[in-house]
């Protein structure tokens, strides 16, 4: 089974795999939260999604409540917040754990990838980002403080899109 074959439900509760959420595109998979100091990254993620969508790119938001209880809402609460506050149109997965003994299998795979400093392991906080190629290979890992439109991120997206 590949990373893209791994089940990862949609925020609306319907079944999916990571591959169904990425739709065979270059994807930026991001663990997100609605009540975090980094939450404004949603706006930048949406702009990135809109800018590159026609070239075969998507963002996939993965809500997580493991960091300071900053994503406490229901799926409906999260969907409403994302749509009304940031106009999010990219796919959103069901809320999952990204660290610890109940870590979702998608994050079991993603956390084995090292960041630019060579560090792999646990997710540090909300809005950690993983760039995947269309085959589901992790191309890069960006820590929470790296903005979605950082030149390093956009250069990597451009490179993957060809």
N, C-alpha and C. Protein backbone atom coordinates (compact mmCIF):
# COMPACT_ATOMS: atom_id res chain seq x y z
N UNK A 1 0.84 -1.18 0.00
CA UNK A 1 0.00 0.00 0.00
C UNK A 1 0.89 1.25 0.00
N UNK A 2 0.55 2.21 -0.84
CA UNK A 2 1.32 3.45 -0.90
C UNK A 2 0.68 4.49 0.01
N UNK A 3 1.37 5.59 0.23
CA UNK A 3 0.86 6.68 1.02
C UNK A 3 -0.49 7.16 0.47
N UNK A 4 -0.60 7.25 -0.84
CA UNK A 4 -1.84 7.74 -1.45
C UNK A 4 -3.01 6.78 -1.26
N UNK A 5 -2.72 5.50 -1.00
CA UNK A 5 -3.77 4.51 -0.77
C UNK A 5 -4.28 4.53 0.67
N UNK A 6 -3.62 5.27 1.53
CA UNK A 6 -3.97 5.30 2.95
C UNK A 6 -5.31 6.00 3.16
N UNK A 7 -6.25 5.34 3.84
CA UNK A 7 -7.53 5.98 4.12
C UNK A 7 -7.34 7.26 4.94
N UNK A 8 -8.02 8.31 4.53
CA UNK A 8 -8.03 9.59 5.24
C UNK A 8 -9.37 10.23 4.91
N UNK A 9 -10.30 10.11 5.83
CA UNK A 9 -11.65 10.60 5.58
C UNK A 9 -11.71 12.09 5.28
N UNK A 10 -12.78 12.49 4.63
CA UNK A 10 -13.02 13.90 4.36
C UNK A 10 -13.66 14.56 5.58
N UNK A 11 -13.56 15.87 5.65
CA UNK A 11 -14.14 16.61 6.76
C UNK A 11 -15.65 16.41 6.85
N UNK A 12 -16.30 16.17 5.72
CA UNK A 12 -17.75 15.96 5.73
C UNK A 12 -18.14 14.57 6.22
N UNK A 13 -17.15 13.75 6.60
CA UNK A 13 -17.41 12.42 7.13
C UNK A 13 -17.39 11.31 6.11
N UNK A 14 -17.30 11.64 4.83
CA UNK A 14 -17.27 10.60 3.81
C UNK A 14 -15.88 9.97 3.73
N UNK A 15 -15.86 8.73 3.29
CA UNK A 15 -14.62 7.98 3.19
C UNK A 15 -13.79 8.47 2.01
N UNK A 16 -12.49 8.42 2.17
CA UNK A 16 -11.56 8.79 1.10
C UNK A 16 -10.20 8.21 1.43
N UNK A 17 -9.31 8.33 0.48
CA UNK A 17 -7.90 8.05 0.70
C UNK A 17 -7.16 9.36 0.50
N UNK A 18 -5.91 9.40 0.91
CA UNK A 18 -5.12 10.60 0.66
C UNK A 18 -5.07 10.88 -0.84
N UNK A 19 -4.95 9.85 -1.64
CA UNK A 19 -4.91 10.02 -3.09
C UNK A 19 -6.18 10.63 -3.66
N UNK A 20 -7.32 10.27 -3.09
CA UNK A 20 -8.57 10.88 -3.55
C UNK A 20 -8.62 12.36 -3.18
N UNK A 21 -8.04 12.73 -2.06
CA UNK A 21 -8.00 14.14 -1.66
C UNK A 21 -7.02 14.94 -2.51
N UNK A 22 -5.90 14.31 -2.89
CA UNK A 22 -4.90 15.04 -3.70
C UNK A 22 -5.25 15.00 -5.18
N UNK A 23 -6.11 14.07 -5.59
CA UNK A 23 -6.57 13.94 -6.97
C UNK A 23 -5.42 13.83 -7.98
N UNK A 24 -4.36 13.11 -7.59
CA UNK A 24 -3.25 12.88 -8.51
C UNK A 24 -2.44 14.12 -8.83
N UNK A 25 -2.51 15.11 -7.97
CA UNK A 25 -1.81 16.37 -8.20
C UNK A 25 -0.62 16.52 -7.25
N UNK A 26 0.21 17.48 -7.52
CA UNK A 26 1.20 17.93 -6.54
C UNK A 26 0.38 18.49 -5.39
N UNK A 27 0.74 18.16 -4.16
CA UNK A 27 -0.08 18.57 -3.02
C UNK A 27 0.77 19.05 -1.86
N UNK A 28 0.24 20.03 -1.15
CA UNK A 28 0.82 20.50 0.10
C UNK A 28 -0.13 20.05 1.20
N UNK A 29 0.29 19.07 2.00
CA UNK A 29 -0.52 18.53 3.08
C UNK A 29 -0.14 19.26 4.36
N UNK A 30 -1.14 19.87 5.01
CA UNK A 30 -0.89 20.76 6.14
C UNK A 30 -1.81 20.41 7.30
N UNK A 31 -1.24 20.19 8.51
CA UNK A 31 -2.10 20.04 9.68
C UNK A 31 -2.51 21.44 10.14
N UNK A 32 -3.82 21.64 10.26
CA UNK A 32 -4.37 22.97 10.48
C UNK A 32 -5.16 23.05 11.78
N UNK A 33 -5.38 24.30 12.24
CA UNK A 33 -6.17 24.56 13.43
C UNK A 33 -6.80 25.95 13.32
N UNK A 34 -7.99 26.09 13.86
CA UNK A 34 -8.76 27.32 13.72
C UNK A 34 -8.45 28.39 14.77
N UNK A 35 -7.82 28.01 15.88
CA UNK A 35 -7.61 28.96 16.97
C UNK A 35 -6.14 29.09 17.35
N UNK A 36 -5.32 29.17 16.37
CA UNK A 36 -3.86 29.20 16.54
C UNK A 36 -3.33 30.54 16.05
N UNK A 37 -2.21 30.97 16.60
CA UNK A 37 -1.58 32.19 16.10
C UNK A 37 -1.18 32.08 14.64
N UNK A 38 -1.03 30.85 14.15
CA UNK A 38 -0.66 30.64 12.75
C UNK A 38 -1.87 30.46 11.84
N UNK A 39 -3.08 30.50 12.39
CA UNK A 39 -4.30 30.29 11.61
C UNK A 39 -4.39 31.20 10.39
N UNK A 40 -3.89 32.45 10.43
CA UNK A 40 -3.94 33.27 9.22
C UNK A 40 -3.22 32.65 8.01
N UNK A 41 -2.43 31.60 8.23
CA UNK A 41 -1.82 30.90 7.09
C UNK A 41 -2.89 30.30 6.18
N UNK A 42 -4.10 30.10 6.69
CA UNK A 42 -5.19 29.63 5.84
C UNK A 42 -5.35 30.53 4.61
N UNK A 43 -5.27 31.85 4.82
CA UNK A 43 -5.44 32.79 3.70
C UNK A 43 -4.35 32.58 2.65
N UNK A 44 -3.13 32.39 3.10
CA UNK A 44 -2.01 32.18 2.19
C UNK A 44 -2.12 30.82 1.51
N UNK A 45 -2.55 29.81 2.25
CA UNK A 45 -2.75 28.48 1.65
C UNK A 45 -3.82 28.55 0.56
N UNK A 46 -4.90 29.29 0.80
CA UNK A 46 -5.95 29.41 -0.20
C UNK A 46 -5.43 30.14 -1.44
N UNK A 47 -4.66 31.20 -1.25
CA UNK A 47 -4.08 31.91 -2.41
C UNK A 47 -3.15 31.00 -3.19
N UNK A 48 -2.34 30.22 -2.50
CA UNK A 48 -1.44 29.27 -3.15
C UNK A 48 -2.25 28.25 -3.94
N UNK A 49 -3.29 27.73 -3.34
CA UNK A 49 -4.16 26.77 -4.01
C UNK A 49 -4.75 27.38 -5.29
N UNK A 50 -5.27 28.59 -5.18
CA UNK A 50 -5.88 29.26 -6.33
C UNK A 50 -4.85 29.56 -7.42
N UNK A 51 -3.66 29.97 -7.01
CA UNK A 51 -2.61 30.34 -7.97
C UNK A 51 -2.16 29.16 -8.80
N UNK A 52 -2.01 27.99 -8.18
CA UNK A 52 -1.41 26.84 -8.84
C UNK A 52 -2.40 25.75 -9.26
N UNK A 53 -3.67 25.89 -8.90
CA UNK A 53 -4.65 24.82 -9.16
C UNK A 53 -4.72 24.42 -10.62
N UNK A 54 -4.72 25.38 -11.51
CA UNK A 54 -4.85 25.06 -12.95
C UNK A 54 -3.64 24.31 -13.49
N UNK A 55 -2.52 24.37 -12.75
CA UNK A 55 -1.31 23.65 -13.18
C UNK A 55 -1.21 22.27 -12.56
N UNK A 56 -2.19 21.89 -11.74
CA UNK A 56 -2.16 20.55 -11.15
C UNK A 56 -1.69 20.50 -9.72
N UNK A 57 -2.09 21.49 -8.92
CA UNK A 57 -1.67 21.58 -7.52
C UNK A 57 -2.88 21.73 -6.62
N UNK A 58 -2.79 21.17 -5.43
CA UNK A 58 -3.81 21.36 -4.41
C UNK A 58 -3.18 21.43 -3.04
N UNK A 59 -3.87 22.06 -2.13
CA UNK A 59 -3.56 22.01 -0.71
C UNK A 59 -4.55 21.01 -0.11
N UNK A 60 -4.12 20.26 0.90
CA UNK A 60 -5.02 19.41 1.66
C UNK A 60 -4.86 19.79 3.12
N UNK A 61 -5.93 20.31 3.71
CA UNK A 61 -5.92 20.67 5.13
C UNK A 61 -6.32 19.48 5.98
N UNK A 62 -5.55 19.26 7.06
CA UNK A 62 -5.82 18.14 7.96
C UNK A 62 -5.95 18.70 9.38
N UNK A 63 -7.18 18.94 9.84
CA UNK A 63 -7.37 19.49 11.18
C UNK A 63 -6.82 18.56 12.26
N UNK A 64 -6.26 19.19 13.29
CA UNK A 64 -5.68 18.45 14.42
C UNK A 64 -5.87 19.28 15.69
N UNK A 65 -6.24 18.63 16.78
CA UNK A 65 -6.48 19.33 18.05
C UNK A 65 -5.41 19.00 19.09
N UNK A 66 -4.24 18.56 18.66
CA UNK A 66 -3.21 18.13 19.61
C UNK A 66 -2.31 19.24 20.13
N UNK A 67 -2.43 20.43 19.62
CA UNK A 67 -1.52 21.51 20.02
C UNK A 67 -2.32 22.61 20.71
N UNK A 68 -2.32 22.57 22.03
CA UNK A 68 -3.00 23.60 22.80
C UNK A 68 -4.51 23.58 22.66
N UNK A 69 -5.10 22.48 22.19
CA UNK A 69 -6.55 22.40 22.02
C UNK A 69 -7.08 23.45 21.06
N UNK A 70 -6.29 23.76 20.02
CA UNK A 70 -6.61 24.87 19.13
C UNK A 70 -7.51 24.50 17.96
N UNK A 71 -8.01 23.26 17.93
CA UNK A 71 -9.00 22.85 16.93
C UNK A 71 -10.07 22.02 17.64
N UNK A 72 -10.82 22.65 18.57
CA UNK A 72 -11.77 21.89 19.39
C UNK A 72 -13.11 21.61 18.73
N UNK A 73 -13.42 22.26 17.65
CA UNK A 73 -14.76 22.19 17.05
C UNK A 73 -15.07 20.88 16.37
N UNK A 74 -16.34 20.76 16.02
CA UNK A 74 -16.82 19.62 15.24
C UNK A 74 -16.41 19.83 13.79
N UNK A 75 -16.62 18.82 12.99
CA UNK A 75 -16.33 18.93 11.55
C UNK A 75 -17.14 20.08 10.95
N UNK A 76 -18.39 20.21 11.35
CA UNK A 76 -19.24 21.29 10.82
C UNK A 76 -18.70 22.66 11.24
N UNK A 77 -18.23 22.77 12.49
CA UNK A 77 -17.65 24.03 12.98
C UNK A 77 -16.41 24.39 12.16
N UNK A 78 -15.56 23.41 11.91
CA UNK A 78 -14.32 23.64 11.17
C UNK A 78 -14.64 24.07 9.73
N UNK A 79 -15.56 23.36 9.11
CA UNK A 79 -15.94 23.68 7.73
C UNK A 79 -16.50 25.10 7.63
N UNK A 80 -17.38 25.46 8.56
CA UNK A 80 -17.97 26.80 8.55
C UNK A 80 -16.91 27.87 8.76
N UNK A 81 -16.02 27.66 9.72
CA UNK A 81 -14.94 28.62 9.99
C UNK A 81 -14.07 28.81 8.76
N UNK A 82 -13.64 27.72 8.16
CA UNK A 82 -12.74 27.80 7.00
C UNK A 82 -13.40 28.51 5.82
N UNK A 83 -14.66 28.20 5.58
CA UNK A 83 -15.37 28.81 4.45
C UNK A 83 -15.67 30.27 4.70
N UNK A 84 -16.18 30.60 5.89
CA UNK A 84 -16.62 31.97 6.13
C UNK A 84 -15.48 32.92 6.45
N UNK A 85 -14.44 32.43 7.09
CA UNK A 85 -13.34 33.31 7.50
C UNK A 85 -12.27 33.43 6.42
N UNK A 86 -11.96 32.32 5.75
CA UNK A 86 -10.85 32.32 4.79
C UNK A 86 -11.24 31.91 3.38
N UNK A 87 -12.50 31.59 3.14
CA UNK A 87 -12.93 31.21 1.80
C UNK A 87 -12.24 29.97 1.28
N UNK A 88 -11.93 29.04 2.17
CA UNK A 88 -11.18 27.83 1.80
C UNK A 88 -11.96 27.01 0.79
N UNK A 89 -11.30 26.69 -0.32
CA UNK A 89 -11.88 25.82 -1.34
C UNK A 89 -11.10 24.52 -1.53
N UNK A 90 -9.93 24.43 -0.91
CA UNK A 90 -9.14 23.20 -1.06
C UNK A 90 -9.73 22.09 -0.19
N UNK A 91 -9.40 20.83 -0.51
CA UNK A 91 -9.94 19.70 0.25
C UNK A 91 -9.51 19.73 1.71
N UNK A 92 -10.46 19.37 2.57
CA UNK A 92 -10.19 19.27 4.00
C UNK A 92 -10.47 17.83 4.44
N UNK A 93 -9.52 17.27 5.17
CA UNK A 93 -9.67 15.92 5.70
C UNK A 93 -10.36 15.97 7.06
N UNK A 94 -10.72 14.81 7.54
CA UNK A 94 -11.27 14.68 8.89
C UNK A 94 -10.19 15.02 9.91
N UNK A 95 -10.61 15.44 11.09
CA UNK A 95 -9.67 15.76 12.17
C UNK A 95 -8.99 14.47 12.63
N UNK A 96 -7.65 14.53 12.75
CA UNK A 96 -6.87 13.37 13.16
C UNK A 96 -5.79 13.79 14.16
N UNK A 97 -5.15 12.79 14.78
CA UNK A 97 -3.96 13.02 15.58
C UNK A 97 -2.75 12.85 14.68
N UNK A 98 -1.77 13.74 14.84
CA UNK A 98 -0.56 13.70 14.01
C UNK A 98 0.67 13.22 14.78
N UNK A 99 0.54 13.12 16.09
CA UNK A 99 1.62 12.65 16.95
C UNK A 99 1.09 11.62 17.94
N UNK A 100 2.02 10.92 18.59
CA UNK A 100 1.66 10.02 19.68
C UNK A 100 1.13 8.68 19.24
N UNK A 101 0.63 7.91 20.23
CA UNK A 101 0.20 6.54 19.96
C UNK A 101 -1.02 6.43 19.05
N UNK A 102 -1.79 7.51 18.91
CA UNK A 102 -2.96 7.48 18.03
C UNK A 102 -2.69 8.26 16.74
N UNK A 103 -1.41 8.45 16.43
CA UNK A 103 -1.04 9.16 15.19
C UNK A 103 -1.67 8.46 13.98
N UNK A 104 -2.26 9.26 13.11
CA UNK A 104 -2.89 8.72 11.90
C UNK A 104 -1.82 8.10 11.00
N UNK A 105 -2.13 7.01 10.30
CA UNK A 105 -1.15 6.36 9.42
C UNK A 105 -0.54 7.30 8.37
N UNK A 106 -1.29 8.26 7.86
CA UNK A 106 -0.71 9.22 6.91
C UNK A 106 0.46 9.95 7.58
N UNK A 107 0.28 10.33 8.83
CA UNK A 107 1.34 11.05 9.53
C UNK A 107 2.45 10.12 10.02
N UNK A 108 2.15 8.84 10.18
CA UNK A 108 3.23 7.86 10.45
C UNK A 108 4.23 7.92 9.30
N UNK A 109 3.72 7.97 8.09
CA UNK A 109 4.59 8.02 6.92
C UNK A 109 5.24 9.40 6.77
N UNK A 110 4.44 10.46 6.89
CA UNK A 110 4.99 11.81 6.66
C UNK A 110 6.09 12.18 7.65
N UNK A 111 5.94 11.81 8.92
CA UNK A 111 6.91 12.25 9.92
C UNK A 111 8.27 11.57 9.79
N UNK A 112 8.37 10.57 8.94
CA UNK A 112 9.69 9.96 8.71
C UNK A 112 10.53 10.81 7.76
N UNK A 113 9.91 11.83 7.16
CA UNK A 113 10.61 12.73 6.24
C UNK A 113 11.31 13.83 7.02
N UNK A 114 12.55 14.09 6.67
CA UNK A 114 13.32 15.15 7.33
C UNK A 114 13.02 16.51 6.72
N UNK A 115 13.16 17.55 7.54
CA UNK A 115 13.02 18.92 7.05
C UNK A 115 14.35 19.38 6.44
N UNK A 116 14.47 20.64 6.09
CA UNK A 116 15.67 21.17 5.44
C UNK A 116 16.91 21.06 6.33
N UNK A 117 16.70 20.98 7.65
CA UNK A 117 17.83 20.85 8.58
C UNK A 117 18.18 19.39 8.87
N UNK A 118 17.46 18.46 8.24
CA UNK A 118 17.74 17.04 8.42
C UNK A 118 17.01 16.40 9.58
N UNK A 119 16.05 17.13 10.19
CA UNK A 119 15.33 16.60 11.34
C UNK A 119 14.00 16.00 10.91
N UNK A 120 13.80 14.73 11.26
CA UNK A 120 12.52 14.06 11.03
C UNK A 120 11.81 13.98 12.38
N UNK A 121 10.74 13.20 12.44
CA UNK A 121 10.06 12.99 13.71
C UNK A 121 8.78 13.78 13.85
N UNK A 122 8.36 13.90 15.09
CA UNK A 122 7.06 14.48 15.41
C UNK A 122 6.79 15.83 14.75
N UNK A 123 5.51 16.07 14.53
CA UNK A 123 5.04 17.38 14.08
C UNK A 123 5.28 18.35 15.22
N UNK A 124 5.82 19.52 14.94
CA UNK A 124 6.16 20.48 16.00
C UNK A 124 4.97 21.29 16.47
N UNK A 125 4.07 21.64 15.56
CA UNK A 125 2.93 22.50 15.91
C UNK A 125 1.97 22.51 14.72
N UNK A 126 0.91 23.27 14.84
CA UNK A 126 -0.04 23.45 13.74
C UNK A 126 0.66 24.05 12.53
N UNK A 127 0.17 23.74 11.36
CA UNK A 127 0.61 24.28 10.08
C UNK A 127 2.00 23.82 9.64
N UNK A 128 2.35 22.58 10.00
CA UNK A 128 3.53 21.94 9.42
C UNK A 128 3.11 21.43 8.05
N UNK A 129 4.00 21.55 7.06
CA UNK A 129 3.64 21.31 5.67
C UNK A 129 4.51 20.24 5.03
N UNK A 130 3.88 19.41 4.19
CA UNK A 130 4.59 18.38 3.44
C UNK A 130 4.21 18.53 1.98
N UNK A 131 5.21 18.65 1.11
CA UNK A 131 4.97 18.74 -0.32
C UNK A 131 5.11 17.34 -0.92
N UNK A 132 4.05 16.90 -1.60
CA UNK A 132 4.03 15.58 -2.23
C UNK A 132 3.99 15.74 -3.74
N UNK A 133 4.70 14.84 -4.44
CA UNK A 133 4.57 14.82 -5.90
C UNK A 133 3.30 14.05 -6.25
N UNK A 134 2.90 14.00 -7.51
CA UNK A 134 1.63 13.33 -7.87
C UNK A 134 1.59 11.84 -7.51
N UNK A 135 2.75 11.22 -7.36
CA UNK A 135 2.80 9.80 -6.99
C UNK A 135 2.75 9.58 -5.48
N UNK A 136 2.72 10.68 -4.71
CA UNK A 136 2.66 10.58 -3.26
C UNK A 136 4.01 10.53 -2.57
N UNK A 137 5.09 10.75 -3.31
CA UNK A 137 6.40 10.81 -2.70
C UNK A 137 6.57 12.16 -2.03
N UNK A 138 7.04 12.15 -0.78
CA UNK A 138 7.25 13.42 -0.07
C UNK A 138 8.51 14.07 -0.62
N UNK A 139 8.35 15.27 -1.13
CA UNK A 139 9.44 16.02 -1.76
C UNK A 139 10.12 16.94 -0.77
N UNK A 140 9.34 17.51 0.16
CA UNK A 140 9.90 18.46 1.12
C UNK A 140 9.00 18.56 2.34
N UNK A 141 9.61 18.97 3.45
CA UNK A 141 8.90 19.20 4.71
C UNK A 141 9.23 20.60 5.18
N UNK A 142 8.19 21.34 5.56
CA UNK A 142 8.36 22.71 6.03
C UNK A 142 7.74 22.85 7.40
N UNK A 143 8.49 23.37 8.33
CA UNK A 143 8.02 23.53 9.70
C UNK A 143 6.97 24.64 9.79
N UNK A 144 6.24 24.71 10.89
CA UNK A 144 5.11 25.63 11.01
C UNK A 144 5.42 27.10 10.72
N UNK A 145 6.59 27.57 11.09
CA UNK A 145 6.93 28.98 10.89
C UNK A 145 7.21 29.35 9.44
N UNK A 146 7.39 28.37 8.58
CA UNK A 146 7.63 28.65 7.16
C UNK A 146 6.29 28.99 6.52
N UNK A 147 6.20 30.19 5.97
CA UNK A 147 4.95 30.63 5.34
C UNK A 147 4.70 29.83 4.06
N UNK A 148 3.44 29.55 3.76
CA UNK A 148 3.12 28.77 2.56
C UNK A 148 3.62 29.40 1.26
N UNK A 149 3.77 30.73 1.24
CA UNK A 149 4.25 31.40 0.03
C UNK A 149 5.73 31.79 0.12
N UNK A 150 6.45 31.18 1.06
CA UNK A 150 7.89 31.40 1.15
C UNK A 150 8.53 31.02 -0.19
N UNK A 151 9.50 31.78 -0.67
CA UNK A 151 10.12 31.46 -1.96
C UNK A 151 10.64 30.02 -2.06
N UNK A 152 11.10 29.45 -0.96
CA UNK A 152 11.56 28.06 -0.98
C UNK A 152 10.40 27.11 -1.30
N UNK A 153 9.23 27.38 -0.73
CA UNK A 153 8.06 26.54 -0.97
C UNK A 153 7.56 26.71 -2.40
N UNK A 154 7.41 27.95 -2.84
CA UNK A 154 6.88 28.17 -4.19
C UNK A 154 7.85 27.67 -5.26
N UNK A 155 9.15 27.77 -5.01
CA UNK A 155 10.12 27.23 -5.96
C UNK A 155 9.99 25.71 -6.06
N UNK A 156 9.77 25.06 -4.92
CA UNK A 156 9.62 23.60 -4.94
C UNK A 156 8.32 23.20 -5.65
N UNK A 157 7.25 23.95 -5.44
CA UNK A 157 5.99 23.67 -6.13
C UNK A 157 6.18 23.86 -7.63
N UNK A 158 6.79 24.97 -8.04
CA UNK A 158 7.06 25.22 -9.46
C UNK A 158 7.88 24.09 -10.07
N UNK A 159 8.89 23.64 -9.34
CA UNK A 159 9.75 22.57 -9.83
C UNK A 159 8.95 21.28 -10.04
N UNK A 160 8.08 20.95 -9.10
CA UNK A 160 7.27 19.73 -9.22
C UNK A 160 6.26 19.83 -10.36
N UNK A 161 5.76 21.03 -10.59
CA UNK A 161 4.75 21.22 -11.64
C UNK A 161 5.35 21.29 -13.03
N UNK A 162 6.68 21.48 -13.06
CA UNK A 162 7.39 21.50 -14.33
C UNK A 162 7.25 22.70 -15.13
